[in-house]
Amino acid sequence: MSFYCPARFGRCSIRSEKGAREHAWRQKVSQVTSPANIGSQPAALAREVVLDDATLVIRARDGDMRAFEVLVRRYQGPMYRLALRMLSSRGDAEDVVQEVFLTAWRRLGRLREDAAFVGWLYRATTNRCLNIIRARRPVADADLDSRESVDAAGSPERAAQVSEQLSALAAALRRLTPEQRACWLLREVHGRSYEEIAGVLGTTRTAVRGRIARARAQLAEVMAPWR
């Protein structure tokens, strides 16, 4: 059957209404999670972020696309930064974020606790990154996003120094095992608890603490010149 998607998506030739919604959401999530939109917060959505995650998940499960779009915009930035530092590739990170949110939309009905949505995102993003790392050949150069350093730097000299620090950090992160890298990023960058990280990686708190301790030691040695 012919199905007319929202205006910005145009007319789609889809055999079923379910397929049409899937196509429309793939287009929407691809647009919302594009590099140009990561971290953006349109005024219309900013008024809606007072709703908690559980409420938004309930509304999205009932078919409220706007509610799910708020969730996407709320968490696309953290998921993108996690994937970027795990994979050292903008392209791979963008693909991971888009696929994670598309999968989240499909599986909202299976989420046991509405408040567990963020934990599910971290678990899905981390595991997808780990699978990519294990499947690919080592990369020679890092592709870390440098926009944060440009904004934070007050002079060309400072910008160059911050860029050099980020490059050194990227190289040091690549020397960690994928599991150590994931544990360190989730703890030090994203502020997740040891228990949450253990759940994300399917391991114990003791194992998480050990991986983080080893990661900290290695990173401290590499980053010593910038202290």
C-alpha atoms as a PDB file:
ATOM      1  CA  MET A   1       0.000   0.000   0.000  1.00  0.00           C
ATOM      2  CA  SER A   2       1.050   3.601  -0.482  1.00  0.00           C
ATOM      3  CA  PHE A   3       1.732   5.440   2.767  1.00  0.00           C
ATOM      4  CA  TYR A   4       2.382   9.120   3.179  1.00  0.00           C
ATOM      5  CA  CYS A   5       5.102   9.789   5.728  1.00  0.00           C
ATOM      6  CA  PRO A   6       5.449  13.129   7.550  1.00  0.00           C
ATOM      7  CA  ALA A   7       6.127  16.064   5.239  1.00  0.00           C
ATOM      8  CA  ARG A   8       9.892  16.051   5.520  1.00  0.00           C
ATOM      9  CA  PHE A   9      10.112  12.389   4.597  1.00  0.00           C
ATOM     10  CA  GLY A  10       7.928  12.545   1.478  1.00  0.00           C
ATOM     11  CA  ARG A  11       5.791   9.730   0.017  1.00  0.00           C
ATOM     12  CA  CYS A  12       6.960   6.212   0.789  1.00  0.00           C
ATOM     13  CA  SER A  13       5.849   3.063  -1.014  1.00  0.00           C
ATOM     14  CA  ILE A  14       5.564   0.655   1.897  1.00  0.00           C
ATOM     15  CA  ARG A  15       3.611  -2.600   2.010  1.00  0.00           C
ATOM     16  CA  SER A  16       2.346  -2.178   5.533  1.00  0.00           C
ATOM     17  CA  GLU A  17       1.689   0.549   8.083  1.00  0.00           C
ATOM     18  CA  LYS A  18       4.279  -1.033  10.394  1.00  0.00           C
ATOM     19  CA  GLY A  19       6.854  -0.913   7.625  1.00  0.00           C
ATOM     20  CA  ALA A  20       5.963   2.709   6.950  1.00  0.00           C
ATOM     21  CA  ARG A  21       6.495   3.683  10.589  1.00  0.00           C
ATOM     22  CA  GLU A  22       9.826   1.813  10.579  1.00  0.00           C
ATOM     23  CA  HIS A  23      10.934   3.660   7.449  1.00  0.00           C
ATOM     24  CA  ALA A  24       9.810   7.020   8.812  1.00  0.00           C
ATOM     25  CA  TRP A  25      11.589   6.466  12.107  1.00  0.00           C
ATOM     26  CA  ARG A  26      14.780   5.337  10.397  1.00  0.00           C
ATOM     27  CA  GLN A  27      14.748   8.634   8.513  1.00  0.00           C
ATOM     28  CA  LYS A  28      13.915  10.631  11.638  1.00  0.00           C
ATOM     29  CA  VAL A  29      16.543   8.994  13.842  1.00  0.00           C
ATOM     30  CA  SER A  30      19.140   9.348  11.089  1.00  0.00           C
ATOM     31  CA  GLN A  31      18.371  13.052  10.908  1.00  0.00           C
ATOM     32  CA  VAL A  32      18.206  13.639  14.647  1.00  0.00           C
ATOM     33  CA  THR A  33      21.450  11.754  15.324  1.00  0.00           C
ATOM     34  CA  SER A  34      23.413  13.301  12.469  1.00  0.00           C
ATOM     35  CA  PRO A  35      26.693  14.996  13.499  1.00  0.00           C
ATOM     36  CA  ALA A  36      25.183  18.444  12.839  1.00  0.00           C
ATOM     37  CA  ASN A  37      22.388  17.795  15.350  1.00  0.00           C
ATOM     38  CA  ILE A  38      24.303  16.066  18.130  1.00  0.00           C
ATOM     39  CA  GLY A  39      24.051  18.225  21.198  1.00  0.00           C
ATOM     40  CA  SER A  40      21.423  20.512  19.671  1.00  0.00           C
ATOM     41  CA  GLN A  41      18.272  21.284  21.599  1.00  0.00           C
ATOM     42  CA  PRO A  42      15.524  23.048  19.637  1.00  0.00           C
ATOM     43  CA  ALA A  43      13.326  25.352  21.713  1.00  0.00           C
ATOM     44  CA  ALA A  44      10.266  23.187  21.157  1.00  0.00           C
ATOM     45  CA  LEU A  45      12.036  20.164  22.633  1.00  0.00           C
ATOM     46  CA  ALA A  46      13.694  22.142  25.402  1.00  0.00           C
ATOM     47  CA  ARG A  47      10.228  22.825  26.858  1.00  0.00           C
ATOM     48  CA  GLU A  48       9.568  19.073  27.025  1.00  0.00           C
ATOM     49  CA  VAL A  49      12.744  17.864  28.742  1.00  0.00           C
ATOM     50  CA  VAL A  50      11.189  18.480  32.180  1.00  0.00           C
ATOM     51  CA  LEU A  51       9.494  15.091  31.714  1.00  0.00           C
ATOM     52  CA  ASP A  52      11.460  12.225  33.235  1.00  0.00           C
ATOM     53  CA  ASP A  53      12.750   9.313  31.170  1.00  0.00           C
ATOM     54  CA  ALA A  54      10.146   6.853  32.450  1.00  0.00           C
ATOM     55  CA  THR A  55       7.278   9.118  31.385  1.00  0.00           C
ATOM     56  CA  LEU A  56       8.796   9.657  27.962  1.00  0.00           C
ATOM     57  CA  VAL A  57       9.352   5.918  27.515  1.00  0.00           C
ATOM     58  CA  ILE A  58       5.715   5.206  28.391  1.00  0.00           C
ATOM     59  CA  ARG A  59       4.514   7.811  25.901  1.00  0.00           C
ATOM     60  CA  ALA A  60       6.880   6.573  23.204  1.00  0.00           C
ATOM     61  CA  ARG A  61       5.716   2.995  23.739  1.00  0.00           C
ATOM     62  CA  ASP A  62       2.170   4.219  23.119  1.00  0.00           C
ATOM     63  CA  GLY A  63       3.277   5.599  19.742  1.00  0.00           C
ATOM     64  CA  ASP A  64       4.236   9.161  20.704  1.00  0.00           C
ATOM     65  CA  MET A  65       7.057   9.894  18.266  1.00  0.00           C
ATOM     66  CA  ARG A  66       7.669  13.311  19.825  1.00  0.00           C
ATOM     67  CA  ALA A  67       8.383  11.722  23.204  1.00  0.00           C
ATOM     68  CA  PHE A  68      10.927   9.369  21.662  1.00  0.00           C
ATOM     69  CA  GLU A  69      12.537  12.252  19.782  1.00  0.00           C
ATOM     70  CA  VAL A  70      13.054  13.998  23.126  1.00  0.00           C
ATOM     71  CA  LEU A  71      14.795  10.863  24.427  1.00  0.00           C
ATOM     72  CA  VAL A  72      16.978  10.727  21.325  1.00  0.00           C
ATOM     73  CA  ARG A  73      18.047  14.345  21.662  1.00  0.00           C
ATOM     74  CA  ARG A  74      18.598  13.951  25.389  1.00  0.00           C
ATOM     75  CA  TYR A  75      20.987  11.014  25.084  1.00  0.00           C
ATOM     76  CA  GLN A  76      22.426  11.093  21.577  1.00  0.00           C
ATOM     77  CA  GLY A  77      25.325  13.279  22.715  1.00  0.00           C
ATOM     78  CA  PRO A  78      26.562  10.987  25.518  1.00  0.00           C
ATOM     79  CA  MET A  79      26.119   7.877  23.354  1.00  0.00           C
ATOM     80  CA  TYR A  80      27.969   9.494  20.445  1.00  0.00           C
ATOM     81  CA  ARG A  81      30.875  10.606  22.639  1.00  0.00           C
ATOM     82  CA  LEU A  82      31.129   7.140  24.187  1.00  0.00           C
ATOM     83  CA  ALA A  83      31.125   5.461  20.772  1.00  0.00           C
ATOM     84  CA  LEU A  84      33.589   7.996  19.376  1.00  0.00           C
ATOM     85  CA  ARG A  85      36.134   7.399  22.108  1.00  0.00           C
ATOM     86  CA  MET A  86      35.629   3.650  21.963  1.00  0.00           C
ATOM     87  CA  LEU A  87      36.035   3.451  18.181  1.00  0.00           C
ATOM     88  CA  SER A  88      38.152   6.514  17.287  1.00  0.00           C
ATOM     89  CA  SER A  89      36.022   6.956  14.170  1.00  0.00           C
ATOM     90  CA  ARG A  90      33.273   9.517  13.592  1.00  0.00           C
ATOM     91  CA  GLY A  91      31.641   7.424  10.884  1.00  0.00           C
ATOM     92  CA  ASP A  92      31.515   4.273  12.999  1.00  0.00           C
ATOM     93  CA  ALA A  93      30.286   6.241  16.022  1.00  0.00           C
ATOM     94  CA  GLU A  94      27.467   7.830  14.008  1.00  0.00           C
ATOM     95  CA  ASP A  95      26.405   4.416  12.688  1.00  0.00           C
ATOM     96  CA  VAL A  96      26.406   2.943  16.189  1.00  0.00           C
ATOM     97  CA  VAL A  97      24.273   5.760  17.631  1.00  0.00           C
ATOM     98  CA  GLN A  98      21.714   5.558  14.832  1.00  0.00           C
ATOM     99  CA  GLU A  99      21.391   1.791  15.058  1.00  0.00           C
ATOM    100  CA  VAL A 100      21.166   1.840  18.857  1.00  0.00           C
ATOM    101  CA  PHE A 101      18.267   4.306  18.831  1.00  0.00           C
ATOM    102  CA  LEU A 102      16.495   2.477  16.027  1.00  0.00           C
ATOM    103  CA  THR A 103      16.802  -0.740  18.019  1.00  0.00           C
ATOM    104  CA  ALA A 104      15.596   1.080  21.134  1.00  0.00           C
ATOM    105  CA  TRP A 105      12.457   2.200  19.295  1.00  0.00           C
ATOM    106  CA  ARG A 106      11.733  -1.357  18.168  1.00  0.00           C
ATOM    107  CA  ARG A 107      12.305  -2.850  21.612  1.00  0.00           C
ATOM    108  CA  LEU A 108      10.588  -0.346  23.882  1.00  0.00           C
ATOM    109  CA  GLY A 109       7.848  -2.872  24.515  1.00  0.00           C
ATOM    110  CA  ARG A 110      10.375  -5.348  25.915  1.00  0.00           C
ATOM    111  CA  LEU A 111      11.882  -2.931  28.431  1.00  0.00           C
ATOM    112  CA  ARG A 112      11.050  -4.368  31.856  1.00  0.00           C
ATOM    113  CA  GLU A 113      11.426  -1.101  33.755  1.00  0.00           C
ATOM    114  CA  ASP A 114      10.742   2.259  32.131  1.00  0.00           C
ATOM    115  CA  ALA A 115      13.449   3.929  34.239  1.00  0.00           C
ATOM    116  CA  ALA A 116      16.037   1.446  32.900  1.00  0.00           C
ATOM    117  CA  PHE A 117      16.101   3.063  29.456  1.00  0.00           C
ATOM    118  CA  VAL A 118      19.417   4.891  29.945  1.00  0.00           C
ATOM    119  CA  GLY A 119      21.137   1.785  31.264  1.00  0.00           C
ATOM    120  CA  TRP A 120      19.912  -0.099  28.214  1.00  0.00           C
ATOM    121  CA  LEU A 121      21.346   2.610  25.939  1.00  0.00           C
ATOM    122  CA  TYR A 122      24.766   2.404  27.588  1.00  0.00           C
ATOM    123  CA  ARG A 123      24.749  -1.384  27.405  1.00  0.00           C
ATOM    124  CA  ALA A 124      23.675  -1.454  23.752  1.00  0.00           C
ATOM    125  CA  THR A 125      26.164   1.232  22.709  1.00  0.00           C
ATOM    126  CA  THR A 126      29.073  -0.330  24.588  1.00  0.00           C
ATOM    127  CA  ASN A 127      28.421  -3.861  23.349  1.00  0.00           C
ATOM    128  CA  ARG A 128      28.013  -2.714  19.755  1.00  0.00           C
ATOM    129  CA  CYS A 129      31.315  -0.848  19.990  1.00  0.00           C
ATOM    130  CA  LEU A 130      33.058  -3.874  21.494  1.00  0.00           C
ATOM    131  CA  ASN A 131      31.798  -6.054  18.656  1.00  0.00           C
ATOM    132  CA  ILE A 132      33.103  -3.588  16.073  1.00  0.00           C
ATOM    133  CA  ILE A 133      36.513  -3.388  17.764  1.00  0.00           C
ATOM    134  CA  ARG A 134      36.842  -7.171  17.878  1.00  0.00           C
ATOM    135  CA  ALA A 135      35.831  -7.544  14.240  1.00  0.00           C
ATOM    136  CA  ARG A 136      38.015  -4.942  12.621  1.00  0.00           C
ATOM    137  CA  ARG A 137      41.709  -4.444  12.037  1.00  0.00           C
ATOM    138  CA  PRO A 138      43.586  -1.984  14.284  1.00  0.00           C
ATOM    139  CA  VAL A 139      43.400   1.593  13.061  1.00  0.00           C
ATOM    140  CA  ALA A 140      46.504   3.730  12.750  1.00  0.00           C
ATOM    141  CA  ASP A 141      45.039   7.165  13.402  1.00  0.00           C
ATOM    142  CA  ALA A 142      42.483   8.395  15.876  1.00  0.00           C
ATOM    143  CA  ASP A 143      39.507  10.418  14.715  1.00  0.00           C
ATOM    144  CA  LEU A 144      38.424  11.975  17.968  1.00  0.00           C
ATOM    145  CA  ASP A 145      36.053  14.908  17.834  1.00  0.00           C
ATOM    146  CA  SER A 146      37.996  18.104  18.485  1.00  0.00           C
ATOM    147  CA  ARG A 147      35.098  20.563  18.759  1.00  0.00           C
ATOM    148  CA  GLU A 148      35.178  20.465  22.557  1.00  0.00           C
ATOM    149  CA  SER A 149      38.850  21.451  22.623  1.00  0.00           C
ATOM    150  CA  VAL A 150      38.329  24.296  20.146  1.00  0.00           C
ATOM    151  CA  ASP A 151      35.536  25.756  22.258  1.00  0.00           C
ATOM    152  CA  ALA A 152      37.528  25.403  25.468  1.00  0.00           C
ATOM    153  CA  ALA A 153      40.779  26.861  24.150  1.00  0.00           C
ATOM    154  CA  GLY A 154      41.351  30.585  24.550  1.00  0.00           C
ATOM    155  CA  SER A 155      44.238  30.977  22.106  1.00  0.00           C
ATOM    156  CA  PRO A 156      45.846  29.165  19.142  1.00  0.00           C
ATOM    157  CA  GLU A 157      48.624  27.962  21.444  1.00  0.00           C
ATOM    158  CA  ARG A 158      46.139  26.599  23.962  1.00  0.00           C
ATOM    159  CA  ALA A 159      44.104  24.987  21.175  1.00  0.00           C
ATOM    160  CA  ALA A 160      47.215  23.246  19.872  1.00  0.00           C
ATOM    161  CA  GLN A 161      48.096  22.022  23.359  1.00  0.00           C
ATOM    162  CA  VAL A 162      44.590  20.656  23.984  1.00  0.00           C
ATOM    163  CA  SER A 163      44.576  18.996  20.560  1.00  0.00           C
ATOM    164  CA  GLU A 164      47.897  17.331  21.372  1.00  0.00           C
ATOM    165  CA  GLN A 165      46.535  16.139  24.713  1.00  0.00           C
ATOM    166  CA  LEU A 166      43.472  14.642  23.037  1.00  0.00           C
ATOM    167  CA  SER A 167      45.642  12.864  20.493  1.00  0.00           C
ATOM    168  CA  ALA A 168      47.801  11.436  23.268  1.00  0.00           C
ATOM    169  CA  LEU A 169      44.713  10.327  25.186  1.00  0.00           C
ATOM    170  CA  ALA A 170      43.270   8.703  22.064  1.00  0.00           C
ATOM    171  CA  ALA A 171      46.503   6.798  21.494  1.00  0.00           C
ATOM    172  CA  ALA A 172      46.601   5.722  25.141  1.00  0.00           C
ATOM    173  CA  LEU A 173      42.985   4.542  25.030  1.00  0.00           C
ATOM    174  CA  ARG A 174      43.740   2.419  21.975  1.00  0.00           C
ATOM    175  CA  ARG A 175      46.458   0.612  23.950  1.00  0.00           C
ATOM    176  CA  LEU A 176      43.923  -0.520  26.540  1.00  0.00           C
ATOM    177  CA  THR A 177      41.957  -3.688  26.019  1.00  0.00           C
ATOM    178  CA  PRO A 178      38.437  -2.979  24.697  1.00  0.00           C
ATOM    179  CA  GLU A 179      36.960  -3.981  28.066  1.00  0.00           C
ATOM    180  CA  GLN A 180      39.356  -1.709  30.002  1.00  0.00           C
ATOM    181  CA  ARG A 181      38.564   1.149  27.637  1.00  0.00           C
ATOM    182  CA  ALA A 182      34.830   0.660  28.088  1.00  0.00           C
ATOM    183  CA  CYS A 183      35.091   0.496  31.878  1.00  0.00           C
ATOM    184  CA  TRP A 184      37.271   3.607  32.095  1.00  0.00           C
ATOM    185  CA  LEU A 185      35.071   5.670  29.769  1.00  0.00           C
ATOM    186  CA  LEU A 186      31.850   4.647  31.479  1.00  0.00           C
ATOM    187  CA  ARG A 187      33.285   5.492  34.909  1.00  0.00           C
ATOM    188  CA  GLU A 188      35.527   8.511  34.331  1.00  0.00           C
ATOM    189  CA  VAL A 189      33.749  10.222  31.430  1.00  0.00           C
ATOM    190  CA  HIS A 190      30.118   9.183  31.868  1.00  0.00           C
ATOM    191  CA  GLY A 191      30.033   8.835  35.643  1.00  0.00           C
ATOM    192  CA  ARG A 192      28.345   5.433  35.757  1.00  0.00           C
ATOM    193  CA  SER A 193      28.546   3.402  38.949  1.00  0.00           C
ATOM    194  CA  TYR A 194      30.600   0.213  39.285  1.00  0.00           C
ATOM    195  CA  GLU A 195      27.368  -1.748  39.547  1.00  0.00           C
ATOM    196  CA  GLU A 196      25.979  -0.174  36.360  1.00  0.00           C
ATOM    197  CA  ILE A 197      29.190  -0.866  34.455  1.00  0.00           C
ATOM    198  CA  ALA A 198      29.177  -4.467  35.625  1.00  0.00           C
ATOM    199  CA  GLY A 199      25.644  -4.789  34.286  1.00  0.00           C
ATOM    200  CA  VAL A 200      26.590  -3.192  30.963  1.00  0.00           C
ATOM    201  CA  LEU A 201      29.501  -5.582  30.428  1.00  0.00           C
ATOM    202  CA  GLY A 202      27.968  -8.636  32.035  1.00  0.00           C
ATOM    203  CA  THR A 203      30.695  -9.010  34.635  1.00  0.00           C
ATOM    204  CA  THR A 204      31.304  -8.406  38.353  1.00  0.00           C
ATOM    205  CA  ARG A 205      32.021  -5.197  40.248  1.00  0.00           C
ATOM    206  CA  THR A 206      35.386  -6.653  41.261  1.00  0.00           C
ATOM    207  CA  ALA A 207      36.331  -7.202  37.619  1.00  0.00           C
ATOM    208  CA  VAL A 208      35.218  -3.674  36.762  1.00  0.00           C
ATOM    209  CA  ARG A 209      37.317  -2.173  39.564  1.00  0.00           C
ATOM    210  CA  GLY A 210      40.334  -4.167  38.416  1.00  0.00           C
ATOM    211  CA  ARG A 211      39.982  -3.056  34.793  1.00  0.00           C
ATOM    212  CA  ILE A 212      39.552   0.582  35.792  1.00  0.00           C
ATOM    213  CA  ALA A 213      42.581   0.443  38.090  1.00  0.00           C
ATOM    214  CA  ARG A 214      44.752  -0.968  35.314  1.00  0.00           C
ATOM    215  CA  ALA A 215      43.397   1.557  32.820  1.00  0.00           C
ATOM    216  CA  ARG A 216      44.075   4.457  35.206  1.00  0.00           C
ATOM    217  CA  ALA A 217      47.640   3.293  35.756  1.00  0.00           C
ATOM    218  CA  GLN A 218      48.373   3.035  32.035  1.00  0.00           C
ATOM    219  CA  LEU A 219      46.717   6.336  31.190  1.00  0.00           C
ATOM    220  CA  ALA A 220      48.436   8.154  34.058  1.00  0.00           C
ATOM    221  CA  GLU A 221      51.822   7.052  32.761  1.00  0.00           C
ATOM    222  CA  VAL A 222      51.089   8.220  29.211  1.00  0.00           C
ATOM    223  CA  MET A 223      49.509  11.527  30.264  1.00  0.00           C
ATOM    224  CA  ALA A 224      52.175  12.384  32.874  1.00  0.00           C
ATOM    225  CA  PRO A 225      53.849  15.046  30.662  1.00  0.00           C
ATOM    226  CA  TRP A 226      50.632  17.144  30.694  1.00  0.00           C
ATOM    227  CA  ARG A 227      50.168  17.182  34.459  1.00  0.00           C
END
